Every structure is written in structure tokens, then in C-alpha cells.
Protein backbone atom coordinates (compact mmCIF):
# COMPACT_ATOMS: atom_id res chain seq x y z
CA UNK A 1 -69.88 110.64 -147.64
CA UNK A 2 -68.96 107.10 -148.49
CA UNK A 3 -65.54 108.30 -149.85
CA UNK A 4 -64.93 110.35 -146.70
CA UNK A 5 -65.74 107.32 -144.58
CA UNK A 6 -62.93 105.39 -146.30
CA UNK A 7 -60.33 108.09 -145.23
CA UNK A 8 -58.67 108.59 -141.91
CA UNK A 9 -60.97 110.65 -139.57
CA UNK A 10 -58.16 112.84 -138.37
CA UNK A 11 -58.27 116.25 -140.02
CA UNK A 12 -54.50 116.36 -140.57
CA UNK A 13 -54.45 112.97 -142.35
CA UNK A 14 -55.86 112.06 -145.79
CA UNK A 15 -54.62 108.44 -145.74
CA UNK A 16 -57.13 105.73 -146.50
CA UNK A 17 -58.88 104.18 -143.51
CA UNK A 18 -57.53 100.72 -142.44
CA UNK A 19 -59.86 100.10 -139.53
CA UNK A 20 -61.83 101.66 -136.69
CA UNK A 21 -60.14 103.19 -133.71
CA UNK A 22 -60.81 101.49 -130.37
CA UNK A 23 -60.97 104.83 -128.42
CA UNK A 24 -62.91 107.02 -130.94
CA UNK A 25 -64.75 104.41 -132.91
CA UNK A 26 -63.78 106.40 -135.96
CA UNK A 27 -62.07 105.26 -139.14
CA UNK A 28 -58.26 105.52 -138.95
CA UNK A 29 -55.37 104.91 -141.27
CA UNK A 30 -52.93 102.10 -140.46
CA UNK A 31 -50.39 104.53 -138.87
CA UNK A 32 -52.99 106.19 -136.59
CA UNK A 33 -54.65 102.87 -135.95
CA UNK A 34 -51.36 101.52 -134.67
CA UNK A 35 -50.94 104.59 -132.36
CA UNK A 36 -54.52 104.12 -131.11
CA UNK A 37 -53.75 100.45 -130.40
CA UNK A 38 -50.55 101.42 -128.54
CA UNK A 39 -52.47 103.89 -126.31
CA UNK A 40 -55.07 101.28 -125.49
CA UNK A 41 -52.32 98.87 -124.58
CA UNK A 42 -50.81 101.52 -122.41
CA UNK A 43 -54.06 102.12 -120.63
CA UNK A 44 -54.41 98.38 -120.16
CA UNK A 45 -50.89 98.02 -118.74
CA UNK A 46 -51.54 101.02 -116.38
CA UNK A 47 -54.78 99.53 -115.11
CA UNK A 48 -53.25 96.14 -114.72
CA UNK A 49 -50.43 97.65 -112.64
CA UNK A 50 -53.02 99.14 -110.32
CA UNK A 51 -55.10 95.96 -110.16
CA UNK A 52 -52.23 93.74 -109.24
CA UNK A 53 -52.01 94.73 -105.60
CA UNK A 54 -55.78 94.90 -105.43
CA UNK A 55 -55.94 91.28 -106.69
CA UNK A 56 -53.49 90.26 -104.02
CA UNK A 57 -55.70 91.88 -101.34
CA UNK A 58 -58.75 90.11 -102.88
CA UNK A 59 -56.97 86.75 -102.80
CA UNK A 60 -55.87 87.31 -99.18
CA UNK A 61 -59.46 88.35 -98.23
CA UNK A 62 -60.82 85.19 -99.91
CA UNK A 63 -58.31 83.07 -97.91
CA UNK A 64 -59.31 84.93 -94.72
CA UNK A 65 -63.04 84.47 -95.46
CA UNK A 66 -62.57 80.70 -95.99
CA UNK A 67 -60.48 80.39 -92.87
CA UNK A 68 -63.09 82.39 -90.83
CA UNK A 69 -65.92 80.27 -92.09
CA UNK A 70 -64.06 77.10 -91.08
CA UNK A 71 -63.18 78.73 -87.70
CA UNK A 72 -66.86 79.65 -87.15
CA UNK A 73 -67.97 76.08 -87.65
CA UNK A 74 -65.24 74.76 -85.29
CA UNK A 75 -66.22 77.50 -82.79
CA UNK A 76 -69.88 76.52 -82.94
CA UNK A 77 -68.92 72.75 -82.50
CA UNK A 78 -66.69 73.55 -79.49
CA UNK A 79 -69.25 75.83 -77.80
CA UNK A 80 -71.96 73.16 -78.38
CA UNK A 81 -69.70 70.49 -76.91
CA UNK A 82 -68.86 72.75 -73.92
CA UNK A 83 -72.62 73.38 -73.26
CA UNK A 84 -73.33 69.64 -73.57
CA UNK A 85 -70.52 68.87 -71.15
CA UNK A 86 -71.68 71.52 -68.81
CA UNK A 87 -75.23 70.17 -68.78
CA UNK A 88 -73.93 66.65 -68.03
CA UNK A 89 -71.96 68.00 -65.13
CA UNK A 90 -74.93 70.06 -63.94
CA UNK A 91 -77.14 66.84 -63.80
CA UNK A 92 -74.45 64.94 -62.05
CA UNK A 93 -73.86 67.69 -59.43
CA UNK A 94 -77.55 68.33 -58.83
CA UNK A 95 -78.30 64.57 -58.56
CA UNK A 96 -75.60 64.11 -55.93
CA UNK A 97 -76.73 67.14 -54.03
CA UNK A 98 -80.37 66.07 -54.23
CA UNK A 99 -79.38 62.73 -52.83
CA UNK A 100 -77.43 64.33 -50.03
CA UNK A 101 -80.32 66.66 -49.26
CA UNK A 102 -82.82 63.84 -49.11
CA UNK A 103 -80.55 61.91 -46.77
CA UNK A 104 -80.36 65.03 -44.49
CA UNK A 105 -84.16 65.29 -44.47
CA UNK A 106 -84.50 61.59 -43.66
CA UNK A 107 -82.14 62.01 -40.70
CA UNK A 108 -84.15 65.00 -39.59
CA UNK A 109 -87.35 62.99 -39.73
CA UNK A 110 -85.87 60.38 -37.43
CA UNK A 111 -85.61 63.09 -34.84
CA UNK A 112 -89.41 63.84 -34.93
CA UNK A 113 -89.79 61.64 -31.77
CA UNK A 114 -87.97 64.36 -29.88
CA UNK A 115 -90.70 66.84 -30.48
CA UNK A 116 -93.33 64.21 -29.45
CA UNK A 117 -91.30 63.48 -26.23
CA UNK A 118 -91.12 67.16 -25.37
CA UNK A 119 -94.84 67.70 -25.89
CA UNK A 120 -95.75 64.60 -23.82
CA UNK A 121 -93.33 65.47 -21.06
CA UNK A 122 -94.69 69.11 -20.86
CA UNK A 123 -98.23 67.71 -20.46
CA UNK A 124 -97.19 65.14 -17.81
CA UNK A 125 -95.22 67.74 -15.84
CA UNK A 126 -98.14 70.13 -16.04
CA UNK A 127 -100.45 67.45 -14.63
CA UNK A 128 -97.78 66.28 -12.06
CA UNK A 129 -98.23 62.78 -13.60
CA UNK A 130 -95.20 60.90 -12.37
CA UNK A 131 -96.40 57.68 -13.97
CA UNK A 132 -96.68 59.49 -17.30
CA UNK A 133 -93.23 60.79 -16.91
CA UNK A 134 -91.82 57.40 -16.12
CA UNK A 135 -93.48 55.81 -19.14
CA UNK A 136 -92.32 58.50 -21.51
CA UNK A 137 -88.66 58.31 -20.24
CA UNK A 138 -88.72 54.48 -20.42
CA UNK A 139 -89.92 54.60 -24.03
CA UNK A 140 -87.47 57.42 -24.92
CA UNK A 141 -84.49 55.38 -23.57
CA UNK A 142 -85.23 52.78 -26.26
CA UNK A 143 -85.56 55.53 -28.92
CA UNK A 144 -82.28 57.08 -27.85
CA UNK A 145 -80.41 53.90 -28.88
CA UNK A 146 -81.89 54.02 -32.41
CA UNK A 147 -81.16 57.73 -32.71
CA UNK A 148 -77.51 57.24 -31.58
CA UNK A 149 -77.12 54.59 -34.21
CA UNK A 150 -78.64 56.89 -36.88
CA UNK A 151 -76.05 59.65 -36.18
CA UNK A 152 -73.05 57.27 -36.29
CA UNK A 153 -72.60 57.89 -40.03
CA UNK A 154 -71.98 61.66 -39.66
CA UNK A 155 -69.66 63.74 -37.53
CA UNK A 156 -69.75 64.06 -33.77
CA UNK A 157 -73.07 66.00 -33.94
CA UNK A 158 -74.56 63.53 -36.46
CA UNK A 159 -74.54 65.97 -39.33
CA UNK A 160 -73.66 65.10 -42.91
CA UNK A 161 -70.35 66.47 -44.11
CA UNK A 162 -70.20 68.31 -47.45
CA UNK A 163 -67.59 70.58 -48.91
CA UNK A 164 -68.10 74.10 -50.31
CA UNK A 165 -69.84 73.05 -53.53
CA UNK A 166 -71.18 76.50 -54.20
CA UNK A 167 -67.84 78.11 -53.72
CA UNK A 168 -66.22 75.66 -56.13
CA UNK A 169 -68.98 76.47 -58.67
CA UNK A 170 -68.39 80.17 -58.25
CA UNK A 171 -64.72 79.67 -58.94
CA UNK A 172 -65.71 77.69 -62.05
CA UNK A 173 -67.99 80.61 -63.13
CA UNK A 174 -65.17 83.12 -62.66
CA UNK A 175 -62.79 80.89 -64.64
CA UNK A 176 -65.23 80.57 -67.45
CA UNK A 177 -65.93 84.34 -67.47
CA UNK A 178 -62.19 85.06 -67.63
CA UNK A 179 -61.64 82.61 -70.47
CA UNK A 180 -64.45 84.21 -72.47
CA UNK A 181 -63.09 87.70 -71.72
CA UNK A 182 -59.74 86.43 -73.28
CA UNK A 183 -61.55 85.04 -76.27
CA UNK A 184 -63.35 88.41 -76.82
CA UNK A 185 -60.13 90.32 -76.61
CA UNK A 186 -58.91 88.35 -79.70
CA UNK A 187 -61.51 90.25 -81.74
CA UNK A 188 -60.05 93.58 -80.63
CA UNK A 189 -56.77 92.67 -82.21
CA UNK A 190 -58.23 91.99 -85.70
CA UNK A 191 -56.46 94.14 -88.34
CA UNK A 192 -58.18 95.15 -91.58
CA UNK A 193 -56.97 93.84 -94.90
CA UNK A 194 -54.56 91.41 -93.31
CA UNK A 195 -52.02 93.96 -92.20
CA UNK A 196 -49.99 91.15 -90.66
CA UNK A 197 -49.85 88.00 -92.64
CA UNK A 198 -50.26 84.96 -90.55
CA UNK A 199 -48.10 82.05 -91.71
CA UNK A 200 -49.07 78.45 -91.17
CA UNK A 201 -45.39 77.37 -90.80
CA UNK A 202 -42.43 79.17 -89.34
CA UNK A 203 -38.85 78.53 -90.39
CA UNK A 204 -36.43 78.05 -87.55
CA UNK A 205 -32.61 77.67 -87.93
CA UNK A 206 -29.86 76.76 -85.59
CA UNK A 207 -26.06 77.08 -85.86
CA UNK A 208 -24.01 74.89 -83.57
CA UNK A 209 -21.82 76.68 -80.99
CA UNK A 210 -23.68 79.95 -81.75
CA UNK A 211 -26.04 81.35 -79.08
CA UNK A 212 -29.35 82.93 -79.92
CA UNK A 213 -31.50 82.55 -82.99
CA UNK A 214 -29.63 84.06 -85.92
CA UNK A 215 -31.68 85.66 -88.78
CA UNK A 216 -28.72 86.60 -91.02
CA UNK A 217 -25.32 85.05 -91.43
CA UNK A 218 -22.38 86.69 -93.13
CA UNK A 219 -18.69 85.80 -93.61
CA UNK A 220 -15.93 88.16 -92.34
CA UNK A 221 -12.24 87.60 -91.83
CA UNK A 222 -12.05 90.07 -88.86
CA UNK A 223 -15.02 90.85 -86.61
CA UNK A 224 -13.19 93.25 -84.29
CA UNK A 225 -14.98 96.70 -84.02
CA UNK A 226 -18.29 95.59 -85.29
CA UNK A 227 -21.76 95.42 -83.56
CA UNK A 228 -25.40 94.93 -84.52
CA UNK A 229 -27.21 98.24 -85.23
CA UNK A 230 -30.22 99.55 -83.16
CA UNK A 231 -32.69 97.64 -85.31
CA UNK A 232 -30.71 94.34 -85.01
CA UNK A 233 -31.03 93.93 -88.83
CA UNK A 234 -27.40 94.53 -89.86
CA UNK A 235 -23.84 94.74 -88.66
CA UNK A 236 -22.16 98.12 -88.43
CA UNK A 237 -18.74 99.44 -87.41
CA UNK A 238 -18.87 100.66 -83.75
CA UNK A 239 -16.53 101.40 -80.91
CA UNK A 240 -18.93 100.00 -78.35
CA UNK A 241 -22.15 98.01 -78.36
CA UNK A 242 -25.15 99.91 -79.87
CA UNK A 243 -28.26 100.28 -77.73
CA UNK A 244 -27.59 97.16 -75.65
CA UNK A 245 -26.59 94.92 -78.56
CA UNK A 246 -23.42 92.82 -78.01
CA UNK A 247 -20.23 93.46 -79.79
CA UNK A 248 -19.10 90.85 -82.13
CA UNK A 249 -16.21 88.81 -80.76
CA UNK A 250 -12.76 90.11 -81.54
CA UNK A 251 -11.67 87.30 -83.62
CA UNK A 252 -9.47 87.13 -86.69
CA UNK A 253 -10.11 84.15 -88.97
CA UNK A 254 -7.27 82.81 -91.08
């Protein structure tokens, strides 16, 4: 048994074993050990070839995850700042409106003497008390001067003027709702596994005296009879412009 273990485990080979095969864990001679090693290397290369694009996806996903985590933090900060700003504006608006309401109530309270006058006059008229009527009217003439001064700060009816605050706030609410709808639509355009790679920087080029934004530049001594193809990615021979593309200028360069 010990003698057999020192031989190559393959039935067709009687060479002495030089080591243990990585695949079968059986003793192999040097020739078969080299073949076993080559097969393992081939398997490794095949797996590595399949893993390469997966590693790229993993790296992109890691970058996406880090970017999303940073974006989440910024989003929370921006929303908290927006809420804080909204609460400050709410306090300012409600304080101003409360002050205006209190002023209107105060003006209304100044006119309480009118109710008292009407009640007293009704009683005097019912009793046919001319003296009482005279006294009430004399007193009311003095009160009228004070009331006329009280309404001088408003419009011709003495009312306090205020714009359409509620309408402006409704417009603000609609604007906020539309903005958030636009934000939520951004999530609908999310593509899995980074189908479209977003670049931080974009390269822009410009050639003087050449209209448009060229993506490719080539050299030709005679541009007559050439046009961009339908995709706009290359120049082809054509008798007329292809799908709306412009023909190249008929120019011969020396």
C-alpha cells in the first residue's frame, strides 16, 4: 500500500508520485502534476475573466452607495433647514396677522357706543322723552368726533386694509407641492446597476470658425460629396444630406 501511494494514481501511469493533485487530492507524477496545475490555472483564469466585469459593477455600486449616503445626509439637512425656515415664516406671518386682527377688534370695540346710543334712543322714543333724546344726541355728537378720528387710519369706511394673505399662502403651498412632485419624479428615473454612468466633469471642445460642437475631427483634402450619417457618428459619401444632416462644404484644400 505504501509502495502504491508513492506511484502516480492514474491507472495508465506507473511513474513515481511527485506530489498531490490539487483537483483530485491524489498522488501524481510530475508530468500529470503539471497538467493538473495547468487545468487549475485555466479554471482560475476563466473565473477571473467572469469576475472582472462583476468587480467593476461592485466598485460602481460601492461608489453609488457612498454618493447616496452623502446625498441622504445633505437631503436631511436641506429639509430640516426648509422646515426651520418655514416655521420662522409661519411665526412672522401669524404674529403680524394676530396684531392686525387685534387692531380690528379694538376698532370694533370703539363702536360699542353706537349700540348703547341705539338702545337709549329706542327707549326715549318709546317714552316720547324729548329731553332724553336731546341729551343722547348731544352726548353722541361728542362721541362722533372721537369715532371719526378713530377711522382716519383706514379706508373711507374706516376698515383696515390687508392683501390676500391666504391666496398667497395657497400659491406657496402649490409651488411647494410641485417642487416635491419634481423631486419624487427623480426617483422614477433611477436605473439599476448604473446603466448610465454619471460623470463629475464633462469635456467640451471648441474649434474656431467652426459652428456647432464637434465630437470628431478628421482631415480630408476634398470634402465634396460627403455628409454625416444618420447616427451623426461618422462621415459617409452621399449625393445629398442624410436624414436632415448638413452636407460638408464643397471645398478642396491644397
